[in-house]
Amino acid sequence: MGRWEPNARERLGKAALELFQEHGYSQTTVEEIAARAGLTERTFFRYFNDKREVLFGGSSVLRKLIAETIADAPKATAPLDAMAAALESTAAMLPRSREYARKRRTLIAAHADLRERELLKLTALASAAADALRRRGVAEPSASLTAEAGIAVFKVAFDQWIDDTKRRDLSHHIRAAVEKLKAVILGSAVGSPTSRAMKPSRPRSR
C-alpha cells in the first residue's frame, strides 16, 4: 500500500470502535483494527501510539486551537467569554455522529484506563487554556478557575449534545452551558452571605 491512505484516521477510529464493541476492548488488537480498516499496522502507528489513543485522537490539535482562540480574542473580552469562544471553536473538529460519540462514551465509562486517559485529556485542555489566559494578563487564581470552569462547561455541553433528541449542534449546548454557569455565578454572588452582609440596612422607624 502507498504511504498515504485517504481518511486513514477516520477509518481506524471507526474500525476500532466496532471491534471494541464486538470483541471487547481488552481482547481487540492493533492488527485486527488495521485489518478491519483495510490498512497496515505500520499505517496505524503513523497515527496512534496504541489502541487506546484511537479514542483520543486530535487532543493536541484541540489544545492548540483552544490556546490560539483565547490568544486571538479581542483585548476587551472577558476571560470567561474568551474561554467560551475557544470551546465553540472546537465544535467543528469533534465527532459529528452522535451515535459514534454515544458508543465512545459508553466504552470509556466501562474501562478504568480509558476513564483515566479521558481525565488526562481534559486536564491538558484546562492547562492549555489557563496558560493562554495568563498570557493575556489574567492573574491567578482567575486564569485557572476560568479554565477549569470552561472545561466543566465543555464536558456538560458535550454530554447534552450526545443526548439531545432535538439534534441541536454542539455550539448551541456550549453557549447554553456558559449562560447557565454565568447565572449560577451571578446568583451566588447576589445571594451569598457576604453580599447580604454588605447590603445597606434600612433605618428603623421610631
Foldseek 3Di string as FASTA:
>chain_A
DDPDDPPQLVLLLVLLLVCCVVPNNVPDALQSSQVSSVHHSVSVVVQDVGSLCSLVGPLVVLLVQLLVQLLPPPLPDDLLRSNLSSLLVCQVVDDLDLVSVVSSVVNLVVDPVSVVVVVVSLVSSLVSQLVSVVVSVDDPPVSSVSSNLSSVLSVVLSVCCSVPPVNDGSSVSSVVSSVVVVVVVVVCCCPPPVNVVVDDDDDDDD
